[in-house]
Amino acid sequence: MLTSIDYLVVLIYGVLVAFLGYIAKLKVKNADDYFAGGKKVPWWIAAISHHMSGYSAFVFVGMGTIAYGSGLSAYVFYGPPIFISMMIGAYVWAPRWAKMKILTPIQFLEQRYNNLTRQFFAWSGIGIKFIDEGVKLYSLAIIVHVATGWPLQEVIVACGIVTIAYLFFGGLWATMLTDFAQFFVQFAITLFLVPLVLKAVGGFGGLLAQMPAWQRKPFSPEITPIFVFVYFFVTLLSYNGGSWGLAQRFYSIGKPKQARKAALLSGALYLVYPLAVFIPMWAAHTLVGNIENPEHAYVLVAEKILPSISPGLLGLFIASMFAATMSMIDSDLNALAAVFAKDIYQRTFNKNAGDQLLLRVGMLATVVLGGLTIAAALLTIQMHGAFNAMIQWFAAILGPISLPLLLGMIYKKPTWRGALLSWLFGMLTFIFFRFAWTPLTGFATSFPLYTGMELLVSFLVFIGEGQITKRPPEEEKRVQEFFEQFE
């Protein structure tokens, strides 16, 4: 449990974050600043922010379940797929994002396809994103709940309100500045914990020795090669812009070569840093013993090790987790608010909306969407934990929404029909293999089956439609002009 010194550290950290929010507020003059950092974000800040936006409390809670139960396969499942995805994205998508003069990650869909496609993906993308946001907020609440003993539901609501308030005033700049500051704090505290944990279990050799033989293998009954293979394509889409908040990191830079460097740096960190997160979870069996709820593994190890070194370290750890998750949720909420204000409100309801009105609409949308995020986090409790909610729902249905978005930046031939049909048949495939496969065949369904089939069908429909459909001349001209900006 936290001591009075720990609470003091959390308070001081909170004041620092609030100060960064005030600095960010001074940078926000218009909607471009609020939603895209004015296209002036330095690449190294964007890189750190992109990387830290992938390290919400979910990694320490949801992935903690896998690391505690499955051993080394947790790293194989998490680190290398994201690293490879970012190495590809650095040369394929990051420069393209930076070349487009956009305020939202789907704004370009109207020129690439048409306004119907833009509206369709705006509404459906906002709808699915709350699963992801709820899991992150739930994971943060688990850490605070375990460290303080406060009721989980109340912690979810309180953390959600603080997160919304921070984003409301500072926009994208607030999340990026917080990312950059807490990068050093979180890295320092987690890297500090690693040698202490290794010393307590007799070094890396001792760590491996205390793990069952099957946990020392690269794969496990839960994390199979086919599971990792399918999940790689999910990360390829998500980390290169399928998750809208991560796309913001690239187009907020505004310079293609700088965006490429940001992607490369973020990807390189994903190859190394996950080990610092997973080592304490792998040692939890020895240091803490049997843990009834594996989602608590990392926090229980931190509670055992950190207070014995210095008072206040546990509070610093909790504060860094709060900042990391708050920043990640804020990043996504900012992207969702941008889509609502620019792609839905202005484009559909008020085409003459000025910059200041868009800013106010975006801020109001932040509050409403934040409230829905809190509701999604409360619902995650009923979904049997963060990892199950993330894998079985968000990761599973991300493909049909993000595939036409990202592939539409590369392939010219598919039309708006291909984009919509790709979404439709992908979702129908997911529903069939997720809910109808077992009753009809008697065979068990699984994440690799329903997600892999969904991705395959979405891809084939999107590419296939482009081979058989011809655009009218005026549409062909518009699409050609869209691709000319990438040359």
Protein backbone atom coordinates (compact mmCIF):
# COMPACT_ATOMS: atom_id res chain seq x y z
CA MET A 1 0.00 0.00 0.00
CA LEU A 2 1.09 3.57 -0.59
CA THR A 3 2.55 5.54 2.30
CA SER A 4 2.17 9.27 3.00
CA ILE A 5 5.50 9.88 1.25
CA ASP A 6 4.25 8.01 -1.81
CA TYR A 7 1.13 10.15 -1.89
CA LEU A 8 3.30 13.26 -1.64
CA VAL A 9 5.37 12.09 -4.61
CA VAL A 10 2.19 11.48 -6.60
CA LEU A 11 0.99 14.97 -5.73
CA ILE A 12 4.28 16.58 -6.80
CA TYR A 13 4.24 14.62 -10.04
CA GLY A 14 0.66 15.74 -10.61
CA VAL A 15 1.68 19.38 -10.18
CA LEU A 16 4.47 18.89 -12.73
CA VAL A 17 2.05 17.36 -15.24
CA ALA A 18 -0.42 20.20 -14.64
CA PHE A 19 2.38 22.69 -15.35
CA LEU A 20 3.12 20.94 -18.63
CA GLY A 21 -0.58 21.16 -19.44
CA TYR A 22 -0.43 24.91 -18.84
CA ILE A 23 2.58 25.24 -21.15
CA ALA A 24 0.69 23.25 -23.77
CA LYS A 25 -2.35 25.49 -23.41
CA LEU A 26 -0.21 28.50 -24.31
CA LYS A 27 0.65 26.80 -27.62
CA VAL A 28 -2.98 26.20 -28.57
CA LYS A 29 -4.24 29.12 -30.66
CA ASN A 30 -6.46 27.31 -33.15
CA ALA A 31 -7.82 23.91 -34.20
CA ASP A 32 -4.59 23.06 -36.05
CA ASP A 33 -2.62 23.49 -32.82
CA TYR A 34 -5.18 21.55 -30.77
CA PHE A 35 -5.50 18.57 -33.10
CA ALA A 36 -2.19 18.43 -35.01
CA GLY A 37 0.37 20.39 -32.99
CA GLY A 38 0.47 23.03 -35.71
CA LYS A 39 2.51 20.56 -37.84
CA LYS A 40 5.56 21.81 -35.91
CA VAL A 41 6.24 18.95 -33.49
CA PRO A 42 9.96 17.98 -33.45
CA TRP A 43 10.52 14.44 -34.70
CA TRP A 44 12.22 13.27 -31.52
CA ILE A 45 9.28 14.40 -29.37
CA ALA A 46 6.88 12.72 -31.80
CA ALA A 47 8.97 9.52 -31.69
CA ILE A 48 8.98 9.39 -27.89
CA SER A 49 5.28 10.22 -27.83
CA HIS A 50 4.49 7.49 -30.37
CA HIS A 51 6.45 4.99 -28.34
CA MET A 52 5.00 6.01 -24.99
CA SER A 53 1.49 6.00 -26.45
CA GLY A 54 1.97 2.24 -26.80
CA TYR A 55 2.89 1.86 -23.13
CA SER A 56 -0.27 2.47 -21.24
CA ALA A 57 -0.96 0.57 -18.05
CA PHE A 58 -2.36 -2.15 -20.32
CA VAL A 59 1.18 -3.44 -20.91
CA PHE A 60 1.73 -3.75 -17.16
CA VAL A 61 -1.72 -5.25 -16.53
CA GLY A 62 -3.04 -7.00 -19.64
CA MET A 63 0.34 -8.18 -20.86
CA GLY A 64 1.23 -8.95 -17.24
CA THR A 65 -1.33 -11.74 -17.40
CA ILE A 66 0.50 -13.29 -20.36
CA ALA A 67 4.02 -12.74 -19.00
CA TYR A 68 3.12 -14.20 -15.61
CA GLY A 69 1.40 -17.24 -17.07
CA SER A 70 3.23 -17.89 -20.36
CA GLY A 71 6.81 -16.73 -19.73
CA LEU A 72 9.16 -15.70 -22.54
CA SER A 73 6.46 -16.00 -25.21
CA ALA A 74 5.02 -12.69 -23.96
CA TYR A 75 8.06 -10.87 -25.36
CA VAL A 76 7.92 -12.81 -28.65
CA PHE A 77 4.27 -11.86 -28.95
CA TYR A 78 4.75 -8.17 -28.10
CA GLY A 79 8.19 -6.71 -28.90
CA PRO A 80 9.40 -8.10 -32.27
CA PRO A 81 6.05 -7.77 -34.11
CA ILE A 82 5.80 -4.08 -33.27
CA PHE A 83 9.48 -3.52 -34.12
CA ILE A 84 9.09 -5.13 -37.56
CA SER A 85 5.82 -3.25 -38.12
CA MET A 86 7.51 0.08 -37.41
CA MET A 87 10.50 -0.69 -39.61
CA ILE A 88 8.08 -1.29 -42.48
CA GLY A 89 5.95 1.71 -41.60
CA ALA A 90 8.96 4.02 -41.46
CA TYR A 91 9.36 3.66 -45.22
CA VAL A 92 5.76 3.04 -46.26
CA TRP A 93 3.32 5.04 -44.13
CA ALA A 94 5.11 7.53 -41.86
CA PRO A 95 6.36 9.76 -44.74
CA ARG A 96 2.93 9.64 -46.40
CA TRP A 97 1.20 10.78 -43.23
CA ALA A 98 3.61 13.70 -42.97
CA LYS A 99 3.05 14.79 -46.58
CA MET A 100 -0.70 15.11 -46.20
CA LYS A 101 -2.00 18.47 -44.99
CA ILE A 102 -4.67 17.10 -42.68
CA LEU A 103 -6.07 17.74 -39.21
CA THR A 104 -7.58 14.28 -38.75
CA PRO A 105 -6.44 10.77 -39.70
CA ILE A 106 -9.44 10.16 -41.98
CA GLN A 107 -9.79 13.60 -43.56
CA PHE A 108 -8.03 12.39 -46.73
CA LEU A 109 -10.63 9.67 -47.34
CA GLU A 110 -12.93 12.10 -49.14
CA GLN A 111 -10.34 12.87 -51.81
CA ARG A 112 -9.14 9.27 -51.97
CA TYR A 113 -12.65 7.76 -52.11
CA ASN A 114 -15.64 10.07 -51.45
CA ASN A 115 -17.48 11.78 -48.63
CA LEU A 116 -19.68 8.74 -47.96
CA THR A 117 -16.58 6.69 -47.21
CA ARG A 118 -15.18 9.45 -45.01
CA GLN A 119 -18.41 9.62 -42.97
CA PHE A 120 -18.77 5.86 -42.74
CA PHE A 121 -15.27 5.33 -41.38
CA ALA A 122 -15.58 8.32 -39.07
CA TRP A 123 -18.66 6.92 -37.32
CA SER A 124 -17.56 3.28 -37.28
CA GLY A 125 -14.02 4.17 -36.17
CA ILE A 126 -15.26 6.23 -33.26
CA GLY A 127 -17.59 3.40 -32.27
CA ILE A 128 -14.94 0.69 -32.08
CA LYS A 129 -12.29 2.84 -30.42
CA PHE A 130 -14.08 2.89 -27.09
CA ILE A 131 -13.19 -0.77 -26.53
CA ASP A 132 -9.52 0.19 -26.71
CA GLU A 133 -9.93 3.27 -24.53
CA GLY A 134 -11.92 1.40 -21.92
CA VAL A 135 -9.24 -1.30 -21.64
CA LYS A 136 -6.52 1.32 -21.06
CA LEU A 137 -8.50 3.17 -18.40
CA TYR A 138 -9.41 -0.12 -16.73
CA SER A 139 -5.73 -1.15 -16.67
CA LEU A 140 -4.72 2.13 -15.04
CA ALA A 141 -7.46 1.72 -12.45
CA ILE A 142 -6.23 -1.82 -11.64
CA ILE A 143 -2.76 -0.45 -10.79
CA VAL A 144 -4.17 2.31 -8.58
CA HIS A 145 -6.64 -0.14 -7.02
CA VAL A 146 -3.95 -2.67 -6.10
CA ALA A 147 -1.57 -0.01 -4.75
CA THR A 148 -4.18 1.87 -2.68
CA GLY A 149 -6.97 -0.58 -1.99
CA TRP A 150 -9.53 1.93 -3.23
CA PRO A 151 -12.67 0.47 -4.92
CA LEU A 152 -12.06 -0.29 -8.59
CA GLN A 153 -15.19 1.35 -10.02
CA GLU A 154 -14.58 4.62 -8.15
CA VAL A 155 -10.94 4.63 -9.27
CA ILE A 156 -12.02 4.21 -12.92
CA VAL A 157 -14.34 7.22 -12.71
CA ALA A 158 -11.81 9.41 -10.89
CA CYS A 159 -8.93 8.57 -13.27
CA GLY A 160 -11.22 9.18 -16.24
CA ILE A 161 -12.26 12.64 -15.03
CA VAL A 162 -8.64 13.72 -14.45
CA THR A 163 -7.63 12.44 -17.88
CA ILE A 164 -10.45 14.30 -19.64
CA ALA A 165 -9.70 17.55 -17.81
CA TYR A 166 -6.05 17.48 -18.82
CA LEU A 167 -6.76 16.96 -22.50
CA PHE A 168 -9.62 19.47 -22.51
CA PHE A 169 -7.25 22.40 -22.12
CA GLY A 170 -4.00 21.34 -23.77
CA GLY A 171 -4.91 19.22 -26.80
CA LEU A 172 -2.25 17.24 -28.68
CA TRP A 173 0.60 19.38 -27.36
CA ALA A 174 -0.39 18.45 -23.79
CA THR A 175 -0.19 14.73 -24.50
CA MET A 176 3.13 14.99 -26.32
CA LEU A 177 4.82 17.10 -23.64
CA THR A 178 3.58 14.70 -20.98
CA ASP A 179 4.81 11.74 -23.02
CA PHE A 180 8.25 13.28 -23.28
CA ALA A 181 8.52 14.08 -19.57
CA GLN A 182 7.20 10.80 -18.28
CA PHE A 183 9.37 8.86 -20.76
CA PHE A 184 12.32 9.61 -18.51
CA VAL A 185 10.43 8.98 -15.28
CA GLN A 186 8.86 5.70 -16.36
CA PHE A 187 12.04 4.41 -17.98
CA ALA A 188 14.08 5.35 -14.95
CA ILE A 189 11.79 3.64 -12.45
CA THR A 190 11.21 0.48 -14.52
CA LEU A 191 14.87 0.12 -15.54
CA PHE A 192 15.83 0.71 -11.89
CA LEU A 193 13.54 -2.14 -10.87
CA VAL A 194 15.06 -4.69 -13.29
CA PRO A 195 18.50 -5.16 -11.64
CA LEU A 196 16.85 -5.26 -8.21
CA VAL A 197 14.54 -8.02 -9.36
CA LEU A 198 17.35 -9.96 -11.03
CA LYS A 199 19.49 -9.66 -7.90
CA ALA A 200 16.62 -11.00 -5.79
CA VAL A 201 16.24 -14.11 -7.98
CA GLY A 202 19.94 -14.81 -8.55
CA GLY A 203 20.55 -13.04 -11.85
CA PHE A 204 19.18 -13.81 -15.28
CA GLY A 205 20.28 -17.42 -14.93
CA GLY A 206 18.37 -17.68 -11.68
CA LEU A 207 15.34 -16.09 -13.32
CA LEU A 208 15.33 -18.71 -16.07
CA ALA A 209 15.99 -21.52 -13.61
CA GLN A 210 12.94 -20.69 -11.50
CA MET A 211 10.68 -20.69 -14.57
CA PRO A 212 9.08 -23.98 -15.66
CA ALA A 213 10.70 -25.41 -18.80
CA TRP A 214 7.71 -24.63 -21.01
CA GLN A 215 7.81 -20.96 -19.93
CA ARG A 216 11.36 -20.68 -21.25
CA LYS A 217 10.23 -21.50 -24.78
CA PRO A 218 9.47 -18.80 -27.40
CA PHE A 219 5.88 -20.02 -27.72
CA SER A 220 3.30 -21.36 -25.32
CA PRO A 221 -0.12 -23.04 -25.48
CA GLU A 222 -1.70 -19.59 -25.48
CA ILE A 223 0.87 -17.72 -27.62
CA THR A 224 1.34 -20.01 -30.61
CA PRO A 225 3.28 -19.23 -33.84
CA ILE A 226 0.03 -18.71 -35.75
CA PHE A 227 -1.21 -16.39 -32.98
CA VAL A 228 1.93 -14.24 -33.28
CA PHE A 229 1.72 -14.32 -37.10
CA VAL A 230 -1.85 -13.00 -37.12
CA TYR A 231 -1.16 -10.48 -34.37
CA PHE A 232 1.75 -9.09 -36.40
CA PHE A 233 -0.69 -7.87 -39.07
CA VAL A 234 -2.81 -6.27 -36.37
CA THR A 235 0.23 -4.36 -35.10
CA LEU A 236 1.25 -3.46 -38.66
CA LEU A 237 -2.08 -1.72 -39.13
CA SER A 238 -2.50 -0.32 -35.63
CA TYR A 239 0.94 1.21 -34.99
CA ASN A 240 1.22 2.76 -38.45
CA GLY A 241 -1.98 4.73 -38.21
CA GLY A 242 -4.87 2.30 -37.83
CA SER A 243 -4.96 3.57 -34.26
CA TRP A 244 -5.74 7.19 -35.04
CA GLY A 245 -3.78 8.66 -32.15
CA LEU A 246 -0.59 7.08 -33.49
CA ALA A 247 -1.23 8.52 -36.96
CA GLN A 248 -1.30 11.97 -35.34
CA ARG A 249 2.32 11.53 -34.28
CA PHE A 250 3.38 11.40 -37.92
CA TYR A 251 1.29 14.08 -39.56
CA SER A 252 1.94 16.49 -36.66
CA ILE A 253 5.60 16.52 -37.75
CA GLY A 254 4.87 17.78 -41.24
CA LYS A 255 8.20 16.65 -42.72
CA PRO A 256 8.45 13.18 -44.36
CA LYS A 257 12.10 12.47 -43.55
CA GLN A 258 11.58 13.53 -39.95
CA ALA A 259 8.50 11.30 -39.70
CA ARG A 260 10.57 8.36 -40.95
CA LYS A 261 13.16 8.98 -38.23
CA ALA A 262 10.40 9.14 -35.63
CA ALA A 263 9.05 5.75 -36.73
CA LEU A 264 12.51 4.17 -36.70
CA LEU A 265 13.30 5.43 -33.20
CA SER A 266 9.95 4.37 -31.80
CA GLY A 267 10.30 0.91 -33.36
CA ALA A 268 13.83 0.43 -32.02
CA LEU A 269 12.63 1.18 -28.49
CA TYR A 270 9.91 -1.45 -28.84
CA LEU A 271 12.55 -4.09 -29.48
CA VAL A 272 14.42 -3.37 -26.25
CA TYR A 273 12.21 -1.83 -23.59
CA PRO A 274 9.56 -4.59 -23.27
CA LEU A 275 12.21 -6.73 -21.58
CA ALA A 276 12.35 -4.20 -18.75
CA VAL A 277 8.60 -4.56 -18.34
CA PHE A 278 8.41 -8.35 -18.52
CA ILE A 279 11.38 -9.35 -16.32
CA PRO A 280 9.60 -8.37 -13.05
CA MET A 281 6.53 -10.28 -14.23
CA TRP A 282 8.61 -13.38 -14.99
CA ALA A 283 10.11 -13.19 -11.49
CA ALA A 284 6.77 -12.72 -9.76
CA HIS A 285 6.37 -16.47 -9.06
CA THR A 286 9.54 -16.43 -6.97
CA LEU A 287 9.26 -12.99 -5.38
CA VAL A 288 5.54 -12.91 -4.58
CA GLY A 289 4.38 -16.50 -4.93
CA ASN A 290 1.05 -17.59 -6.29
CA ILE A 291 -0.97 -14.61 -7.49
CA GLU A 292 -4.71 -15.13 -7.69
CA ASN A 293 -5.17 -12.41 -10.31
CA PRO A 294 -2.19 -12.25 -12.74
CA GLU A 295 -3.20 -8.68 -13.69
CA HIS A 296 -1.77 -7.65 -10.31
CA ALA A 297 1.66 -9.26 -10.88
CA TYR A 298 3.75 -6.20 -11.79
CA VAL A 299 2.30 -3.98 -9.08
CA LEU A 300 2.81 -6.66 -6.41
CA VAL A 301 6.48 -7.06 -7.42
CA ALA A 302 6.94 -3.28 -7.36
CA GLU A 303 5.30 -3.12 -3.92
CA LYS A 304 7.71 -5.76 -2.64
CA ILE A 305 10.94 -4.30 -4.07
CA LEU A 306 10.69 -0.51 -4.34
CA PRO A 307 9.74 0.50 -0.75
CA SER A 308 12.74 -1.42 0.61
CA ILE A 309 15.07 0.75 -1.48
CA SER A 310 13.66 4.20 -0.80
CA PRO A 311 10.38 5.70 0.39
CA GLY A 312 8.44 7.39 -2.38
CA LEU A 313 9.63 5.11 -5.20
CA LEU A 314 6.35 3.22 -5.28
CA GLY A 315 4.49 6.52 -5.48
CA LEU A 316 6.73 7.58 -8.36
CA PHE A 317 5.95 4.32 -10.14
CA ILE A 318 2.19 4.80 -9.71
CA ALA A 319 2.48 8.40 -10.90
CA SER A 320 4.42 7.37 -14.01
CA MET A 321 1.83 4.70 -14.84
CA PHE A 322 -0.92 7.25 -14.42
CA ALA A 323 0.84 9.74 -16.69
CA ALA A 324 1.59 7.10 -19.31
CA THR A 325 -1.98 5.87 -19.51
CA MET A 326 -3.49 9.34 -19.26
CA SER A 327 -1.32 10.42 -22.17
CA MET A 328 -2.27 7.42 -24.29
CA ILE A 329 -6.00 7.85 -23.66
CA ASP A 330 -5.73 11.59 -24.24
CA SER A 331 -3.96 10.99 -27.53
CA ASP A 332 -6.77 8.76 -28.79
CA LEU A 333 -9.51 11.03 -27.44
CA ASN A 334 -7.88 13.98 -29.19
CA ALA A 335 -7.92 12.08 -32.48
CA LEU A 336 -11.56 11.06 -31.95
CA ALA A 337 -12.55 14.63 -31.09
CA ALA A 338 -10.74 15.86 -34.21
CA VAL A 339 -12.63 13.37 -36.38
CA PHE A 340 -15.95 14.39 -34.87
CA ALA A 341 -15.31 18.13 -35.21
CA LYS A 342 -13.72 18.15 -38.67
CA ASP A 343 -14.98 15.05 -40.46
CA ILE A 344 -18.49 14.83 -39.04
CA TYR A 345 -19.63 18.19 -37.63
CA GLN A 346 -18.05 20.55 -40.16
CA ARG A 347 -18.37 18.32 -43.21
CA THR A 348 -21.97 17.21 -42.58
CA PHE A 349 -23.71 19.68 -40.27
CA ASN A 350 -21.95 23.05 -40.57
CA LYS A 351 -19.71 23.50 -43.60
CA ASN A 352 -19.12 27.15 -42.71
CA ALA A 353 -17.86 26.41 -39.19
CA GLY A 354 -14.86 28.60 -38.46
CA ASP A 355 -11.65 27.65 -36.72
CA GLN A 356 -12.70 28.80 -33.24
CA LEU A 357 -16.06 27.03 -33.48
CA LEU A 358 -14.30 23.81 -34.51
CA LEU A 359 -12.01 24.20 -31.51
CA ARG A 360 -14.99 24.54 -29.15
CA VAL A 361 -16.81 21.61 -30.77
CA GLY A 362 -13.66 19.51 -30.40
CA MET A 363 -13.32 20.39 -26.73
CA LEU A 364 -16.98 19.54 -26.09
CA ALA A 365 -16.56 16.27 -27.99
CA THR A 366 -13.58 15.49 -25.76
CA VAL A 367 -15.81 15.61 -22.68
CA VAL A 368 -18.57 13.48 -24.21
CA LEU A 369 -16.17 10.92 -25.66
CA GLY A 370 -14.30 10.83 -22.37
CA GLY A 371 -17.52 9.97 -20.57
CA LEU A 372 -18.10 7.09 -22.98
CA THR A 373 -14.53 5.92 -22.29
CA ILE A 374 -15.30 5.75 -18.57
CA ALA A 375 -18.41 3.67 -19.37
CA ALA A 376 -16.31 1.34 -21.56
CA ALA A 377 -13.78 0.89 -18.75
CA LEU A 378 -16.54 -0.11 -16.35
CA LEU A 379 -17.80 -2.57 -18.97
CA THR A 380 -14.29 -4.10 -19.28
CA ILE A 381 -14.73 -5.50 -15.77
CA GLN A 382 -17.47 -7.71 -17.23
CA MET A 383 -15.22 -8.81 -20.13
CA HIS A 384 -12.95 -10.89 -17.85
CA GLY A 385 -9.99 -8.57 -17.86
CA ALA A 386 -7.93 -6.25 -20.04
CA PHE A 387 -6.16 -8.82 -22.22
CA ASN A 388 -9.34 -10.65 -23.18
CA ALA A 389 -11.16 -7.42 -23.99
CA MET A 390 -8.28 -6.12 -26.11
CA ILE A 391 -7.60 -9.32 -28.06
CA GLN A 392 -11.13 -10.63 -28.48
CA TRP A 393 -12.66 -7.34 -29.52
CA PHE A 394 -10.51 -4.33 -30.38
CA ALA A 395 -7.59 -6.17 -32.03
CA ALA A 396 -10.01 -8.54 -33.71
CA ILE A 397 -12.13 -5.90 -35.48
CA LEU A 398 -9.46 -3.26 -36.09
CA GLY A 399 -8.66 -4.71 -39.53
CA PRO A 400 -11.78 -3.81 -41.53
CA ILE A 401 -11.60 -0.20 -40.30
CA SER A 402 -7.88 0.40 -40.73
CA LEU A 403 -7.11 -1.72 -43.80
CA PRO A 404 -8.89 0.51 -46.38
CA LEU A 405 -7.37 3.52 -44.60
CA LEU A 406 -3.74 2.42 -44.83
CA LEU A 407 -3.84 0.41 -48.05
CA GLY A 408 -5.75 3.27 -49.64
CA MET A 409 -2.61 5.38 -49.21
CA ILE A 410 -0.61 2.86 -51.29
CA TYR A 411 -2.86 1.24 -53.90
CA LYS A 412 -4.60 3.43 -56.47
CA LYS A 413 -7.00 0.96 -58.07
CA PRO A 414 -9.53 0.17 -55.29
CA THR A 415 -12.50 2.55 -55.28
CA TRP A 416 -14.89 3.67 -52.57
CA ARG A 417 -16.89 0.52 -53.21
CA GLY A 418 -13.85 -1.57 -52.38
CA ALA A 419 -13.33 0.33 -49.14
CA LEU A 420 -16.92 -0.14 -47.98
CA LEU A 421 -17.17 -3.75 -49.16
CA SER A 422 -13.86 -4.55 -47.47
CA TRP A 423 -15.30 -3.26 -44.19
CA LEU A 424 -18.61 -5.07 -44.67
CA PHE A 425 -17.24 -8.49 -45.61
CA GLY A 426 -14.51 -8.23 -42.99
CA MET A 427 -17.06 -7.60 -40.26
CA LEU A 428 -19.34 -10.37 -41.51
CA THR A 429 -16.38 -12.77 -41.51
CA PHE A 430 -15.55 -11.78 -37.94
CA ILE A 431 -19.15 -12.35 -36.82
CA PHE A 432 -19.32 -15.74 -38.54
CA PHE A 433 -16.08 -17.16 -37.15
CA ARG A 434 -16.49 -15.52 -33.75
CA PHE A 435 -20.09 -16.53 -33.06
CA ALA A 436 -21.39 -19.02 -35.66
CA TRP A 437 -18.37 -21.22 -36.38
CA THR A 438 -18.52 -23.33 -33.21
CA PRO A 439 -22.30 -23.91 -33.17
CA LEU A 440 -22.28 -24.86 -36.87
CA THR A 441 -19.14 -27.02 -36.99
CA GLY A 442 -18.49 -28.12 -33.43
CA PHE A 443 -14.89 -26.88 -33.70
CA ALA A 444 -13.54 -24.26 -31.31
CA THR A 445 -12.97 -20.72 -32.51
CA SER A 446 -9.90 -18.68 -31.63
CA PHE A 447 -8.27 -15.27 -32.12
CA PRO A 448 -6.04 -16.48 -34.98
CA LEU A 449 -9.06 -17.99 -36.75
CA TYR A 450 -11.59 -15.18 -36.59
CA THR A 451 -9.03 -12.36 -36.86
CA GLY A 452 -6.92 -14.03 -39.53
CA MET A 453 -9.92 -14.88 -41.70
CA GLU A 454 -11.34 -11.39 -41.25
CA LEU A 455 -8.06 -9.73 -42.30
CA LEU A 456 -7.70 -12.07 -45.28
CA VAL A 457 -11.25 -11.44 -46.52
CA SER A 458 -10.97 -7.66 -46.05
CA PHE A 459 -7.69 -7.62 -47.97
CA LEU A 460 -8.91 -9.81 -50.84
CA VAL A 461 -12.14 -7.84 -51.25
CA PHE A 462 -10.29 -4.51 -51.23
CA ILE A 463 -7.65 -5.58 -53.75
CA GLY A 464 -10.07 -7.63 -55.86
CA GLU A 465 -12.56 -4.80 -56.26
CA GLY A 466 -9.78 -2.60 -57.60
CA GLN A 467 -9.09 -5.11 -60.35
CA ILE A 468 -12.63 -5.25 -61.68
CA THR A 469 -14.02 -1.73 -61.12
CA LYS A 470 -13.16 1.31 -63.23
CA ARG A 471 -13.55 4.86 -61.95
CA PRO A 472 -15.24 7.57 -64.04
CA PRO A 473 -12.81 10.19 -65.45
CA GLU A 474 -13.54 12.93 -62.88
CA GLU A 475 -13.04 10.48 -60.00
CA GLU A 476 -9.87 9.13 -61.60
CA LYS A 477 -8.48 12.68 -61.84
CA ARG A 478 -9.20 13.37 -58.17
CA VAL A 479 -7.53 10.16 -57.03
CA GLN A 480 -4.53 10.80 -59.27
CA GLU A 481 -4.09 14.23 -57.68
CA PHE A 482 -4.24 12.60 -54.25
CA PHE A 483 -1.35 10.26 -55.07
CA GLU A 484 0.72 13.02 -56.69
CA GLN A 485 1.38 14.51 -53.25
CA PHE A 486 3.41 11.41 -52.35
CA GLU A 487 5.76 11.68 -55.32
